[in-house]
């Protein structure tokens, strides 16, 4: 259940927002000012912040600036509540990293729709992106490999070798082709490929002695395939 912190200095509005957000299946906490919100954000984990800009003491923009400077809240999704005519503050808020804003007075339906959209984008952004081969996920951006959700411990060369083959699933590569792609310009022997393939199989395969992902094509080389594609 997503956890939402709503920060506004109007108790009646906080009560109204809390009621409607809970009806949406969200877990809601509230704060009446920026200092209280900051303490809660430092001690608890939240999935989204609904933040009024006009707060006593530490205002919304100052709080947002602090959050974006801290590792634990740097990427926390934020929806701003702004008063009509505060265009400069809206722009500053977006430049500081707010995800969206709603202008007061607003309809509850509009705010809920924007919150749902921001949560969807945050969930999508948190999912690993990359090349999927069977149970393998090769995340080329984060340079890591997951198998069934479990991270594999690969060296840089092992990752480069696997990701190169994953970009061409089913294609057979000779040792020389893999050397050129992964060890470009390095003086290494063809058996270096065999050593790294063996290490990869120890991580990737359920049974390295009977590989289902990294297949040897005798006299030709190696290929990476999904187990479902076995022939």
Protein backbone atom coordinates (compact mmCIF):
# COMPACT_ATOMS: atom_id res chain seq x y z
CA UNK A 1 0.00 0.00 0.00
CA UNK A 2 1.62 3.30 -1.09
CA UNK A 3 2.38 5.72 1.74
CA UNK A 4 1.53 9.38 1.17
CA UNK A 5 2.46 12.38 3.31
CA UNK A 6 0.16 15.39 2.91
CA UNK A 7 1.49 18.75 4.15
CA UNK A 8 -0.85 21.73 4.49
CA UNK A 9 -1.54 24.31 7.21
CA UNK A 10 -5.33 24.04 6.80
CA UNK A 11 -6.64 21.29 9.14
CA UNK A 12 -9.99 21.02 7.34
CA UNK A 13 -8.25 20.48 3.99
CA UNK A 14 -5.92 17.90 5.52
CA UNK A 15 -8.91 15.99 6.85
CA UNK A 16 -10.68 16.12 3.49
CA UNK A 17 -7.60 14.98 1.56
CA UNK A 18 -6.83 12.21 4.04
CA UNK A 19 -10.36 10.83 3.80
CA UNK A 20 -10.34 10.73 0.00
CA UNK A 21 -6.82 9.34 -0.30
CA UNK A 22 -7.63 6.54 2.12
CA UNK A 23 -10.70 5.73 0.03
CA UNK A 24 -8.25 5.27 -2.87
CA UNK A 25 -6.41 2.61 -0.86
CA UNK A 26 -3.48 4.80 0.17
CA UNK A 27 -1.86 4.98 3.60
CA UNK A 28 -1.93 8.64 4.63
CA UNK A 29 0.05 10.71 7.13
CA UNK A 30 -0.30 14.47 7.60
CA UNK A 31 1.76 17.45 8.72
CA UNK A 32 0.72 21.06 9.36
CA UNK A 33 4.07 22.73 8.63
CA UNK A 34 7.38 22.21 6.90
CA UNK A 35 9.42 21.45 10.01
CA UNK A 36 7.08 18.66 11.09
CA UNK A 37 7.06 17.25 7.55
CA UNK A 38 10.86 17.27 7.40
CA UNK A 39 11.12 15.35 10.66
CA UNK A 40 8.64 12.76 9.41
CA UNK A 41 10.43 12.39 6.07
CA UNK A 42 13.74 11.87 7.86
CA UNK A 43 12.37 9.14 10.12
CA UNK A 44 9.80 7.39 7.91
CA UNK A 45 9.56 6.14 4.36
CA UNK A 46 6.96 7.58 1.98
CA UNK A 47 6.09 6.89 -1.65
CA UNK A 48 4.67 10.35 -2.42
CA UNK A 49 4.55 13.84 -0.93
CA UNK A 50 1.59 16.19 -1.44
CA UNK A 51 3.05 19.58 -0.51
CA UNK A 52 1.42 22.99 -0.07
CA UNK A 53 3.79 25.81 -0.99
CA UNK A 54 2.40 28.41 1.45
CA UNK A 55 3.45 26.97 4.81
CA UNK A 56 4.41 28.80 8.01
CA UNK A 57 8.10 28.71 8.92
CA UNK A 58 9.80 26.36 6.47
CA UNK A 59 7.76 26.90 3.32
CA UNK A 60 7.10 24.36 0.59
CA UNK A 61 9.84 25.49 -1.78
CA UNK A 62 12.45 25.48 0.99
CA UNK A 63 11.36 22.01 2.08
CA UNK A 64 11.47 20.72 -1.49
CA UNK A 65 14.96 22.17 -1.94
CA UNK A 66 16.16 20.35 1.20
CA UNK A 67 14.60 17.07 0.09
CA UNK A 68 16.29 17.18 -3.30
CA UNK A 69 19.68 17.67 -1.61
CA UNK A 70 19.37 14.49 0.50
CA UNK A 71 20.01 11.02 -0.83
CA UNK A 72 17.06 9.41 0.96
CA UNK A 73 14.49 11.83 -0.51
CA UNK A 74 16.23 12.95 -3.68
CA UNK A 75 13.81 11.05 -5.92
CA UNK A 76 10.67 11.17 -3.76
CA UNK A 77 7.68 11.98 -6.02
CA UNK A 78 6.14 15.36 -5.11
CA UNK A 79 2.80 16.93 -6.08
CA UNK A 80 2.58 20.63 -5.21
CA UNK A 81 -0.52 22.48 -4.01
CA UNK A 82 -0.30 26.10 -5.13
CA UNK A 83 -2.53 29.16 -4.80
CA UNK A 84 -3.90 30.76 -7.94
CA UNK A 85 -1.48 33.35 -9.32
CA UNK A 86 1.69 31.78 -7.88
CA UNK A 87 3.11 31.09 -11.33
CA UNK A 88 6.69 31.93 -10.30
CA UNK A 89 6.49 29.48 -7.40
CA UNK A 90 5.08 26.79 -9.71
CA UNK A 91 8.01 27.20 -12.08
CA UNK A 92 10.51 27.18 -9.21
CA UNK A 93 8.89 24.07 -7.78
CA UNK A 94 9.10 22.22 -11.08
CA UNK A 95 12.71 23.32 -11.54
CA UNK A 96 13.49 21.98 -8.06
CA UNK A 97 12.16 18.59 -9.08
CA UNK A 98 8.42 18.54 -8.31
CA UNK A 99 6.57 16.01 -10.46
CA UNK A 100 3.27 17.89 -10.82
CA UNK A 101 1.17 20.65 -9.28
CA UNK A 102 -2.51 21.42 -8.67
CA UNK A 103 -3.80 24.98 -8.25
CA UNK A 104 -6.14 25.83 -5.38
CA UNK A 105 -9.08 25.70 -5.37
CA UNK A 106 -8.98 22.26 -7.00
CA UNK A 107 -11.32 19.35 -7.44
CA UNK A 108 -10.56 16.23 -5.41
CA UNK A 109 -11.02 14.13 -8.54
CA UNK A 110 -8.33 16.08 -10.38
CA UNK A 111 -5.89 15.80 -7.49
CA UNK A 112 -6.51 12.05 -7.14
CA UNK A 113 -5.98 11.57 -10.87
CA UNK A 114 -2.66 13.43 -10.74
CA UNK A 115 -1.53 11.48 -7.69
CA UNK A 116 -2.36 8.18 -9.39
CA UNK A 117 -0.44 9.25 -12.50
CA UNK A 118 2.64 10.28 -10.50
CA UNK A 119 2.60 7.00 -8.54
CA UNK A 120 2.32 5.02 -11.80
CA UNK A 121 5.30 6.86 -13.27
CA UNK A 122 7.32 6.31 -10.10
CA UNK A 123 6.56 2.58 -10.10
CA UNK A 124 7.50 2.29 -13.77
CA UNK A 125 10.75 4.19 -13.20
CA UNK A 126 11.69 1.92 -10.30
CA UNK A 127 11.42 -1.23 -12.42
CA UNK A 128 14.70 -2.49 -13.87
CA UNK A 129 14.99 -1.87 -17.59
CA UNK A 130 17.03 -3.96 -19.97
CA UNK A 131 17.18 -7.11 -22.07
CA UNK A 132 15.16 -10.11 -20.94
CA UNK A 133 16.30 -13.60 -21.86
CA UNK A 134 14.30 -16.26 -20.05
CA UNK A 135 14.75 -15.56 -16.32
CA UNK A 136 17.65 -13.21 -17.00
CA UNK A 137 17.35 -9.43 -16.96
CA UNK A 138 20.45 -7.69 -18.32
CA UNK A 139 20.22 -4.07 -17.16
CA UNK A 140 22.54 -2.27 -19.55
CA UNK A 141 22.08 1.08 -17.78
CA UNK A 142 22.93 -0.10 -14.25
CA UNK A 143 25.42 -2.69 -15.57
CA UNK A 144 23.95 -5.54 -13.56
CA UNK A 145 22.26 -8.86 -14.24
CA UNK A 146 19.33 -10.35 -12.37
CA UNK A 147 18.18 -13.95 -12.56
CA UNK A 148 14.71 -14.45 -11.20
CA UNK A 149 15.15 -11.18 -9.28
CA UNK A 150 18.48 -12.24 -7.74
CA UNK A 151 21.55 -10.16 -8.60
CA UNK A 152 24.48 -12.05 -10.13
CA UNK A 153 28.06 -11.17 -9.25
CA UNK A 154 29.76 -10.65 -12.59
CA UNK A 155 33.06 -9.05 -13.41
CA UNK A 156 33.13 -6.15 -15.87
CA UNK A 157 34.30 -8.40 -18.72
CA UNK A 158 31.71 -11.06 -17.89
CA UNK A 159 28.96 -8.45 -17.95
CA UNK A 160 30.20 -7.00 -21.23
CA UNK A 161 30.38 -10.47 -22.79
CA UNK A 162 26.90 -11.46 -21.64
CA UNK A 163 25.28 -8.16 -22.61
CA UNK A 164 26.90 -8.26 -26.06
CA UNK A 165 25.52 -11.73 -26.73
CA UNK A 166 22.14 -10.72 -25.27
CA UNK A 167 21.81 -7.95 -27.86
CA UNK A 168 21.87 -10.67 -30.52
CA UNK A 169 19.97 -13.62 -28.99
CA UNK A 170 20.31 -16.85 -30.92
CA UNK A 171 23.24 -15.59 -33.00
CA UNK A 172 26.36 -17.77 -32.97
CA UNK A 173 29.63 -15.91 -32.32
CA UNK A 174 33.08 -17.30 -32.93
CA UNK A 175 35.79 -16.80 -30.32
CA UNK A 176 37.44 -14.24 -32.57
CA UNK A 177 34.22 -12.23 -32.91
CA UNK A 178 33.75 -12.15 -29.14
CA UNK A 179 37.38 -11.17 -28.61
CA UNK A 180 36.98 -8.26 -31.01
CA UNK A 181 33.77 -7.10 -29.32
CA UNK A 182 34.75 -7.49 -25.66
CA UNK A 183 38.55 -7.35 -25.57
CA UNK A 184 39.03 -4.76 -28.31
CA UNK A 185 42.72 -4.05 -28.85
CA UNK A 186 43.84 -6.29 -25.95
CA UNK A 187 46.44 -8.98 -26.50
CA UNK A 188 44.54 -12.02 -25.23
CA UNK A 189 44.28 -15.62 -26.42
CA UNK A 190 41.09 -17.21 -27.80
CA UNK A 191 40.86 -19.51 -24.77
CA UNK A 192 40.19 -16.38 -22.69
CA UNK A 193 36.68 -16.48 -24.15
CA UNK A 194 36.25 -20.08 -22.99
CA UNK A 195 37.31 -19.16 -19.45
CA UNK A 196 34.79 -16.31 -19.25
CA UNK A 197 32.04 -18.44 -20.78
CA UNK A 198 32.69 -21.07 -18.10
CA UNK A 199 32.50 -18.42 -15.36
CA UNK A 200 29.29 -17.03 -16.81
CA UNK A 201 27.70 -20.46 -16.91
CA UNK A 202 28.56 -20.96 -13.25
CA UNK A 203 26.42 -17.88 -12.49
CA UNK A 204 23.72 -18.05 -15.13
CA UNK A 205 22.94 -21.74 -15.51
CA UNK A 206 20.97 -23.92 -13.11
CA UNK A 207 23.31 -26.74 -14.12
CA UNK A 208 26.53 -25.44 -15.73
CA UNK A 209 27.35 -28.95 -17.00
CA UNK A 210 24.14 -28.91 -19.03
CA UNK A 211 23.76 -25.27 -20.14
CA UNK A 212 20.44 -23.95 -21.36
CA UNK A 213 21.31 -20.26 -21.83
CA UNK A 214 24.87 -20.13 -23.16
CA UNK A 215 25.06 -22.81 -25.80
CA UNK A 216 28.16 -24.20 -27.52
CA UNK A 217 27.84 -24.75 -31.27
CA UNK A 218 30.66 -27.13 -31.95
CA UNK A 219 33.10 -25.88 -34.56
CA UNK A 220 31.30 -22.52 -34.68
CA UNK A 221 31.27 -20.79 -31.28
CA UNK A 222 28.76 -19.71 -28.66
CA UNK A 223 25.26 -18.27 -28.59
CA UNK A 224 22.90 -16.99 -25.92
CA UNK A 225 19.30 -18.12 -26.05
CA UNK A 226 16.24 -18.45 -23.85
CA UNK A 227 15.69 -21.99 -22.52
CA UNK A 228 12.25 -21.94 -24.21
CA UNK A 229 14.03 -21.72 -27.58
CA UNK A 230 16.00 -24.92 -27.18
CA UNK A 231 15.90 -27.31 -30.10
